[in-house]
Amino acid sequence: FLLLANLSVLETLYTSLIVPKLLADLLAQTGTISFSGCLTQLFFFLSLASSECFLLSTMACDRYLAICYPLHYPAIMDLRFCLHLALGAWMSGFLASFVSIVLISHLRFCGPNVLNHFFCDLSPLLQLSCSDITSIEVLDFLAALAVLLTSLLVTMVSYAHILNTVLRIPGRAGRQKAFSTCASHLVVVTIFYSTTIFMYARPHAVNSFDLNKFVSVVYTTVTPLLNPIVYRMKT
């Protein structure tokens, strides 16, 4: 439950970073933000998204230990170790986005200054720069690919071992109980990774702004709202 609590806090911050500013702009019928404010929003947005990747893979490892090694699980996943795992996920996420933000802060922006998005996302911000953004685009693409593939690989390997173990459990009731333990997490993982890979791990993602904005709504507002419902259904 400690890892689940961290996921809840992370997604609360994730939504709070975008929605209040968006609603305020809609009510005031204005949409202005300073460059430093935009960079701050982008930094925390990318950091929280990366942290969620690492946290979801950590939760997959937790399910792997609980199902494949149930007798050793209490000794391995004690409170101290869980805290270290959660802290590692948060720190890794913030470190993963730090270099990109530093590089973006040194770009020149000559105008226009109208951001084609409802928050400061990476691709529309880069399109406003009058500097050469080729190297930053390549670096950001590789960084996103590394974060997503690393965490996704850990998740897939964990669930491959879980599936192998569950299929060997005698009795239908035992298999159903094991599957129900993982079902909610698997649904959350599928929704999160499918949207983030579409947004950040595909080349030329800057060319479809309307589609990108629609997908952004899914993983910034819809997914955090669905996750508590999914986990509550499992409980």
C-alpha atoms as a PDB file:
ATOM      1  CA  PHE A   1       0.000   0.000   0.000  1.00  0.00           C
ATOM      2  CA  LEU A   2       2.995   2.332   0.406  1.00  0.00           C
ATOM      3  CA  LEU A   3       3.740   2.163  -3.324  1.00  0.00           C
ATOM      4  CA  LEU A   4       0.050   2.668  -4.109  1.00  0.00           C
ATOM      5  CA  ALA A   5      -0.005   5.716  -1.819  1.00  0.00           C
ATOM      6  CA  ASN A   6       3.006   7.122  -3.669  1.00  0.00           C
ATOM      7  CA  LEU A   7       1.217   6.609  -6.982  1.00  0.00           C
ATOM      8  CA  SER A   8      -1.818   8.447  -5.611  1.00  0.00           C
ATOM      9  CA  VAL A   9       0.302  11.388  -4.422  1.00  0.00           C
ATOM     10  CA  LEU A  10       2.178  11.485  -7.718  1.00  0.00           C
ATOM     11  CA  GLU A  11      -0.988  11.604  -9.809  1.00  0.00           C
ATOM     12  CA  THR A  12      -2.531  14.226  -7.532  1.00  0.00           C
ATOM     13  CA  LEU A  13       0.509  16.433  -8.142  1.00  0.00           C
ATOM     14  CA  TYR A  14       0.410  15.510 -11.818  1.00  0.00           C
ATOM     15  CA  THR A  15      -3.156  16.753 -12.214  1.00  0.00           C
ATOM     16  CA  SER A  16      -2.719  19.750  -9.891  1.00  0.00           C
ATOM     17  CA  LEU A  17       0.148  20.943 -12.058  1.00  0.00           C
ATOM     18  CA  ILE A  18      -2.083  21.254 -15.143  1.00  0.00           C
ATOM     19  CA  VAL A  19      -5.781  21.557 -14.276  1.00  0.00           C
ATOM     20  CA  PRO A  20      -5.895  24.600 -11.891  1.00  0.00           C
ATOM     21  CA  LYS A  21      -3.913  26.784 -14.313  1.00  0.00           C
ATOM     22  CA  LEU A  22      -6.038  25.570 -17.221  1.00  0.00           C
ATOM     23  CA  LEU A  23      -9.316  26.311 -15.408  1.00  0.00           C
ATOM     24  CA  ALA A  24      -8.090  29.739 -14.307  1.00  0.00           C
ATOM     25  CA  ASP A  25      -7.187  30.626 -17.897  1.00  0.00           C
ATOM     26  CA  LEU A  26     -10.568  29.413 -19.163  1.00  0.00           C
ATOM     27  CA  LEU A  27     -12.489  31.430 -16.552  1.00  0.00           C
ATOM     28  CA  ALA A  28     -10.434  34.567 -17.128  1.00  0.00           C
ATOM     29  CA  GLN A  29     -10.472  33.980 -20.889  1.00  0.00           C
ATOM     30  CA  THR A  30      -6.745  34.561 -20.967  1.00  0.00           C
ATOM     31  CA  GLY A  31      -3.868  32.170 -21.371  1.00  0.00           C
ATOM     32  CA  THR A  32      -0.595  33.781 -20.417  1.00  0.00           C
ATOM     33  CA  ILE A  33       2.420  32.327 -18.643  1.00  0.00           C
ATOM     34  CA  SER A  34       5.974  33.565 -18.190  1.00  0.00           C
ATOM     35  CA  PHE A  35       8.896  31.706 -19.731  1.00  0.00           C
ATOM     36  CA  SER A  36      10.226  30.754 -16.291  1.00  0.00           C
ATOM     37  CA  GLY A  37       6.752  29.593 -15.273  1.00  0.00           C
ATOM     38  CA  CYS A  38       6.471  27.562 -18.455  1.00  0.00           C
ATOM     39  CA  LEU A  39       9.849  25.895 -17.842  1.00  0.00           C
ATOM     40  CA  THR A  40       8.881  25.158 -14.236  1.00  0.00           C
ATOM     41  CA  GLN A  41       5.611  23.554 -15.310  1.00  0.00           C
ATOM     42  CA  LEU A  42       7.394  21.541 -18.009  1.00  0.00           C
ATOM     43  CA  PHE A  43      10.106  20.378 -15.605  1.00  0.00           C
ATOM     44  CA  PHE A  44       7.668  19.096 -13.001  1.00  0.00           C
ATOM     45  CA  PHE A  45       5.403  17.603 -15.663  1.00  0.00           C
ATOM     46  CA  LEU A  46       8.225  15.603 -17.273  1.00  0.00           C
ATOM     47  CA  SER A  47       9.664  14.668 -13.876  1.00  0.00           C
ATOM     48  CA  LEU A  48       6.353  13.369 -12.544  1.00  0.00           C
ATOM     49  CA  ALA A  49       5.669  11.469 -15.780  1.00  0.00           C
ATOM     50  CA  SER A  50       9.108   9.818 -15.612  1.00  0.00           C
ATOM     51  CA  SER A  51       8.648   9.067 -11.911  1.00  0.00           C
ATOM     52  CA  GLU A  52       5.338   7.361 -12.684  1.00  0.00           C
ATOM     53  CA  CYS A  53       7.081   5.133 -15.237  1.00  0.00           C
ATOM     54  CA  PHE A  54       9.619   4.014 -12.652  1.00  0.00           C
ATOM     55  CA  LEU A  55       6.987   3.670  -9.930  1.00  0.00           C
ATOM     56  CA  LEU A  56       4.735   1.481 -12.100  1.00  0.00           C
ATOM     57  CA  SER A  57       7.667  -0.814 -12.894  1.00  0.00           C
ATOM     58  CA  THR A  58       8.507  -0.941  -9.180  1.00  0.00           C
ATOM     59  CA  MET A  59       4.915  -1.965  -8.434  1.00  0.00           C
ATOM     60  CA  ALA A  60       5.197  -4.698 -11.071  1.00  0.00           C
ATOM     61  CA  CYS A  61       8.287  -6.035  -9.278  1.00  0.00           C
ATOM     62  CA  ASP A  62       6.336  -5.896  -6.022  1.00  0.00           C
ATOM     63  CA  ARG A  63       3.556  -8.034  -7.560  1.00  0.00           C
ATOM     64  CA  TYR A  64       6.194 -10.417  -8.920  1.00  0.00           C
ATOM     65  CA  LEU A  65       7.683 -10.969  -5.472  1.00  0.00           C
ATOM     66  CA  ALA A  66       4.251 -11.298  -3.838  1.00  0.00           C
ATOM     67  CA  ILE A  67       3.072 -14.003  -6.252  1.00  0.00           C
ATOM     68  CA  CYS A  68       6.270 -15.830  -7.167  1.00  0.00           C
ATOM     69  CA  TYR A  69       7.885 -15.738  -3.705  1.00  0.00           C
ATOM     70  CA  PRO A  70       4.993 -15.371  -1.219  1.00  0.00           C
ATOM     71  CA  LEU A  71       6.904 -16.846   1.735  1.00  0.00           C
ATOM     72  CA  HIS A  72       9.890 -14.540   1.271  1.00  0.00           C
ATOM     73  CA  TYR A  73       7.826 -11.467   0.387  1.00  0.00           C
ATOM     74  CA  PRO A  74       7.317 -10.069   3.941  1.00  0.00           C
ATOM     75  CA  ALA A  75      11.041 -10.338   4.659  1.00  0.00           C
ATOM     76  CA  ILE A  76      12.095  -8.727   1.371  1.00  0.00           C
ATOM     77  CA  MET A  77       9.495  -5.967   1.001  1.00  0.00           C
ATOM     78  CA  ASP A  78       9.707  -4.462   4.459  1.00  0.00           C
ATOM     79  CA  LEU A  79       8.895  -0.802   5.106  1.00  0.00           C
ATOM     80  CA  ARG A  80      12.499   0.352   4.795  1.00  0.00           C
ATOM     81  CA  PHE A  81      13.005  -1.331   1.421  1.00  0.00           C
ATOM     82  CA  CYS A  82       9.675  -0.008   0.098  1.00  0.00           C
ATOM     83  CA  LEU A  83      10.658   3.525   1.098  1.00  0.00           C
ATOM     84  CA  HIS A  84      13.969   3.153  -0.735  1.00  0.00           C
ATOM     85  CA  LEU A  85      12.200   1.897  -3.860  1.00  0.00           C
ATOM     86  CA  ALA A  86       9.686   4.747  -3.808  1.00  0.00           C
ATOM     87  CA  LEU A  87      12.412   7.345  -3.218  1.00  0.00           C
ATOM     88  CA  GLY A  88      14.471   5.858  -6.042  1.00  0.00           C
ATOM     89  CA  ALA A  89      11.520   6.125  -8.437  1.00  0.00           C
ATOM     90  CA  TRP A  90      10.951   9.788  -7.542  1.00  0.00           C
ATOM     91  CA  MET A  91      14.630  10.742  -7.792  1.00  0.00           C
ATOM     92  CA  SER A  92      15.134   8.886 -11.078  1.00  0.00           C
ATOM     93  CA  GLY A  93      12.176  10.681 -12.612  1.00  0.00           C
ATOM     94  CA  PHE A  94      13.430  14.135 -11.651  1.00  0.00           C
ATOM     95  CA  LEU A  95      16.987  13.407 -12.770  1.00  0.00           C
ATOM     96  CA  ALA A  96      15.761  12.073 -16.125  1.00  0.00           C
ATOM     97  CA  SER A  97      14.194  15.409 -17.087  1.00  0.00           C
ATOM     98  CA  PHE A  98      16.800  17.760 -15.603  1.00  0.00           C
ATOM     99  CA  VAL A  99      19.184  17.772 -18.587  1.00  0.00           C
ATOM    100  CA  SER A 100      16.400  18.493 -21.084  1.00  0.00           C
ATOM    101  CA  ILE A 101      15.169  21.486 -19.096  1.00  0.00           C
ATOM    102  CA  VAL A 102      18.697  22.908 -18.799  1.00  0.00           C
ATOM    103  CA  LEU A 103      19.169  22.663 -22.576  1.00  0.00           C
ATOM    104  CA  ILE A 104      15.765  24.201 -23.315  1.00  0.00           C
ATOM    105  CA  SER A 105      16.480  27.109 -20.960  1.00  0.00           C
ATOM    106  CA  HIS A 106      19.406  28.123 -23.207  1.00  0.00           C
ATOM    107  CA  LEU A 107      17.316  28.268 -26.396  1.00  0.00           C
ATOM    108  CA  ARG A 108      16.395  31.585 -28.017  1.00  0.00           C
ATOM    109  CA  PHE A 109      12.724  32.467 -28.505  1.00  0.00           C
ATOM    110  CA  CYS A 110      12.261  35.300 -31.000  1.00  0.00           C
ATOM    111  CA  GLY A 111       8.514  35.031 -31.568  1.00  0.00           C
ATOM    112  CA  PRO A 112       5.739  34.210 -32.109  1.00  0.00           C
ATOM    113  CA  ASN A 113       4.997  33.357 -28.490  1.00  0.00           C
ATOM    114  CA  VAL A 114       1.634  31.593 -28.832  1.00  0.00           C
ATOM    115  CA  LEU A 115       1.834  28.037 -27.479  1.00  0.00           C
ATOM    116  CA  ASN A 116      -0.423  25.658 -29.401  1.00  0.00           C
ATOM    117  CA  HIS A 117      -1.390  23.616 -26.346  1.00  0.00           C
ATOM    118  CA  PHE A 118      -3.309  23.882 -23.079  1.00  0.00           C
ATOM    119  CA  PHE A 119      -0.139  23.575 -20.966  1.00  0.00           C
ATOM    120  CA  CYS A 120       3.625  23.847 -21.456  1.00  0.00           C
ATOM    121  CA  ASP A 121       4.413  20.576 -23.164  1.00  0.00           C
ATOM    122  CA  LEU A 122       7.738  19.777 -24.775  1.00  0.00           C
ATOM    123  CA  SER A 123       6.971  19.643 -28.504  1.00  0.00           C
ATOM    124  CA  PRO A 124       4.907  22.852 -28.860  1.00  0.00           C
ATOM    125  CA  LEU A 125       7.436  24.772 -26.760  1.00  0.00           C
ATOM    126  CA  LEU A 126      10.341  23.661 -28.955  1.00  0.00           C
ATOM    127  CA  GLN A 127       8.446  24.784 -32.057  1.00  0.00           C
ATOM    128  CA  LEU A 128       8.512  28.379 -30.781  1.00  0.00           C
ATOM    129  CA  SER A 129      12.304  28.484 -30.618  1.00  0.00           C
ATOM    130  CA  CYS A 130      14.334  30.211 -33.327  1.00  0.00           C
ATOM    131  CA  SER A 131      17.424  28.171 -32.370  1.00  0.00           C
ATOM    132  CA  ASP A 132      18.421  24.875 -33.945  1.00  0.00           C
ATOM    133  CA  ILE A 133      16.426  22.304 -31.968  1.00  0.00           C
ATOM    134  CA  THR A 134      17.552  19.187 -33.851  1.00  0.00           C
ATOM    135  CA  SER A 135      19.985  17.994 -31.184  1.00  0.00           C
ATOM    136  CA  ILE A 136      17.504  18.653 -28.363  1.00  0.00           C
ATOM    137  CA  GLU A 137      14.731  16.807 -30.218  1.00  0.00           C
ATOM    138  CA  VAL A 138      16.990  13.792 -30.723  1.00  0.00           C
ATOM    139  CA  LEU A 139      18.153  13.885 -27.096  1.00  0.00           C
ATOM    140  CA  ASP A 140      14.602  14.188 -25.753  1.00  0.00           C
ATOM    141  CA  PHE A 141      13.407  11.371 -27.996  1.00  0.00           C
ATOM    142  CA  LEU A 142      16.234   9.083 -26.841  1.00  0.00           C
ATOM    143  CA  ALA A 143      15.687  10.034 -23.183  1.00  0.00           C
ATOM    144  CA  ALA A 144      11.945   9.328 -23.420  1.00  0.00           C
ATOM    145  CA  LEU A 145      12.648   6.068 -25.219  1.00  0.00           C
ATOM    146  CA  ALA A 146      15.163   5.020 -22.550  1.00  0.00           C
ATOM    147  CA  VAL A 147      12.816   5.801 -19.640  1.00  0.00           C
ATOM    148  CA  LEU A 148       9.799   4.156 -21.251  1.00  0.00           C
ATOM    149  CA  LEU A 149      11.566   1.075 -22.588  1.00  0.00           C
ATOM    150  CA  THR A 150      13.509   0.451 -19.364  1.00  0.00           C
ATOM    151  CA  SER A 151      10.443   0.651 -17.136  1.00  0.00           C
ATOM    152  CA  LEU A 152       8.249  -1.183 -19.655  1.00  0.00           C
ATOM    153  CA  LEU A 153      10.801  -3.990 -20.018  1.00  0.00           C
ATOM    154  CA  VAL A 154      10.946  -4.460 -16.235  1.00  0.00           C
ATOM    155  CA  THR A 155       7.136  -4.533 -16.118  1.00  0.00           C
ATOM    156  CA  MET A 156       6.821  -7.040 -18.969  1.00  0.00           C
ATOM    157  CA  VAL A 157       9.488  -9.372 -17.556  1.00  0.00           C
ATOM    158  CA  SER A 158       7.811  -9.242 -14.133  1.00  0.00           C
ATOM    159  CA  TYR A 159       4.418 -10.123 -15.594  1.00  0.00           C
ATOM    160  CA  ALA A 160       5.900 -12.880 -17.750  1.00  0.00           C
ATOM    161  CA  HIS A 161       7.211 -14.539 -14.570  1.00  0.00           C
ATOM    162  CA  ILE A 162       3.891 -13.876 -12.818  1.00  0.00           C
ATOM    163  CA  LEU A 163       1.933 -15.489 -15.656  1.00  0.00           C
ATOM    164  CA  ASN A 164       4.225 -18.507 -15.639  1.00  0.00           C
ATOM    165  CA  THR A 165       3.761 -18.906 -11.879  1.00  0.00           C
ATOM    166  CA  VAL A 166      -0.009 -18.366 -11.925  1.00  0.00           C
ATOM    167  CA  LEU A 167      -0.576 -20.965 -14.636  1.00  0.00           C
ATOM    168  CA  ARG A 168       1.106 -23.549 -12.406  1.00  0.00           C
ATOM    169  CA  ILE A 169      -1.157 -22.806  -9.428  1.00  0.00           C
ATOM    170  CA  PRO A 170      -3.478 -25.779  -8.857  1.00  0.00           C
ATOM    171  CA  GLY A 171      -7.164 -24.939  -8.740  1.00  0.00           C
ATOM    172  CA  ARG A 172      -9.181 -22.283 -10.512  1.00  0.00           C
ATOM    173  CA  ALA A 173      -9.832 -20.245  -7.358  1.00  0.00           C
ATOM    174  CA  GLY A 174      -6.126 -19.823  -6.664  1.00  0.00           C
ATOM    175  CA  ARG A 175      -5.431 -18.650 -10.207  1.00  0.00           C
ATOM    176  CA  GLN A 176      -8.333 -16.187 -10.130  1.00  0.00           C
ATOM    177  CA  LYS A 177      -7.102 -14.687  -6.866  1.00  0.00           C
ATOM    178  CA  ALA A 178      -3.594 -14.243  -8.266  1.00  0.00           C
ATOM    179  CA  PHE A 179      -4.882 -12.691 -11.491  1.00  0.00           C
ATOM    180  CA  SER A 180      -7.184 -10.295  -9.620  1.00  0.00           C
ATOM    181  CA  THR A 181      -4.198  -9.072  -7.602  1.00  0.00           C
ATOM    182  CA  CYS A 182      -2.461  -7.946 -10.797  1.00  0.00           C
ATOM    183  CA  ALA A 183      -5.426  -6.967 -12.982  1.00  0.00           C
ATOM    184  CA  SER A 184      -5.852  -3.410 -11.689  1.00  0.00           C
ATOM    185  CA  HIS A 185      -2.159  -2.602 -11.995  1.00  0.00           C
ATOM    186  CA  LEU A 186      -2.055  -4.081 -15.492  1.00  0.00           C
ATOM    187  CA  VAL A 187      -4.971  -1.892 -16.628  1.00  0.00           C
ATOM    188  CA  VAL A 188      -3.269   1.235 -15.263  1.00  0.00           C
ATOM    189  CA  VAL A 189       0.031   0.280 -16.906  1.00  0.00           C
ATOM    190  CA  THR A 190      -1.642  -0.320 -20.277  1.00  0.00           C
ATOM    191  CA  ILE A 191      -3.429   3.048 -20.310  1.00  0.00           C
ATOM    192  CA  PHE A 192      -0.399   5.004 -19.119  1.00  0.00           C
ATOM    193  CA  TYR A 193       2.218   3.467 -21.395  1.00  0.00           C
ATOM    194  CA  SER A 194       0.043   3.471 -24.518  1.00  0.00           C
ATOM    195  CA  THR A 195      -0.569   7.229 -24.248  1.00  0.00           C
ATOM    196  CA  THR A 196       2.948   8.252 -23.200  1.00  0.00           C
ATOM    197  CA  ILE A 197       4.654   6.120 -25.858  1.00  0.00           C
ATOM    198  CA  PHE A 198       2.352   7.658 -28.470  1.00  0.00           C
ATOM    199  CA  MET A 199       3.252  11.157 -27.299  1.00  0.00           C
ATOM    200  CA  TYR A 200       6.970  11.010 -26.560  1.00  0.00           C
ATOM    201  CA  ALA A 201       8.518   7.868 -28.066  1.00  0.00           C
ATOM    202  CA  ARG A 202       7.633   8.388 -31.703  1.00  0.00           C
ATOM    203  CA  PRO A 203       9.548  10.514 -34.228  1.00  0.00           C
ATOM    204  CA  HIS A 204       8.027  13.735 -35.598  1.00  0.00           C
ATOM    205  CA  ALA A 205       5.532  13.937 -32.736  1.00  0.00           C
ATOM    206  CA  VAL A 206       5.404  17.707 -33.221  1.00  0.00           C
ATOM    207  CA  ASN A 207       3.443  17.516 -36.464  1.00  0.00           C
ATOM    208  CA  SER A 208       0.037  16.499 -35.063  1.00  0.00           C
ATOM    209  CA  PHE A 209      -0.808  19.147 -32.493  1.00  0.00           C
ATOM    210  CA  ASP A 210      -4.573  18.541 -32.392  1.00  0.00           C
ATOM    211  CA  LEU A 211      -4.120  14.796 -31.919  1.00  0.00           C
ATOM    212  CA  ASN A 212      -1.372  15.391 -29.348  1.00  0.00           C
ATOM    213  CA  LYS A 213      -3.653  17.690 -27.354  1.00  0.00           C
ATOM    214  CA  PHE A 214      -6.405  15.066 -27.308  1.00  0.00           C
ATOM    215  CA  VAL A 215      -4.015  12.371 -26.080  1.00  0.00           C
ATOM    216  CA  SER A 216      -2.612  14.810 -23.507  1.00  0.00           C
ATOM    217  CA  VAL A 217      -6.086  15.199 -22.012  1.00  0.00           C
ATOM    218  CA  VAL A 218      -6.224  11.418 -21.578  1.00  0.00           C
ATOM    219  CA  TYR A 219      -3.013  11.011 -19.608  1.00  0.00           C
ATOM    220  CA  THR A 220      -3.122  14.293 -17.669  1.00  0.00           C
ATOM    221  CA  THR A 221      -6.755  14.216 -16.501  1.00  0.00           C
ATOM    222  CA  VAL A 222      -8.656  11.080 -17.522  1.00  0.00           C
ATOM    223  CA  THR A 223      -6.062   8.492 -16.465  1.00  0.00           C
ATOM    224  CA  PRO A 224      -5.503   9.945 -12.949  1.00  0.00           C
ATOM    225  CA  LEU A 225      -9.291   9.985 -12.463  1.00  0.00           C
ATOM    226  CA  LEU A 226      -9.697   6.389 -13.634  1.00  0.00           C
ATOM    227  CA  ASN A 227      -6.846   4.910 -11.602  1.00  0.00           C
ATOM    228  CA  PRO A 228      -8.525   5.192  -8.148  1.00  0.00           C
ATOM    229  CA  ILE A 229     -11.684   3.627  -9.619  1.00  0.00           C
ATOM    230  CA  VAL A 230      -9.689   0.751 -11.121  1.00  0.00           C
ATOM    231  CA  TYR A 231      -7.841   0.020  -7.873  1.00  0.00           C
ATOM    232  CA  ARG A 232     -11.047   0.357  -5.840  1.00  0.00           C
ATOM    233  CA  MET A 233     -12.763  -2.232  -8.059  1.00  0.00           C
ATOM    234  CA  LYS A 234      -9.860  -4.597  -7.396  1.00  0.00           C
ATOM    235  CA  THR A 235     -10.146  -4.033  -3.647  1.00  0.00           C
END
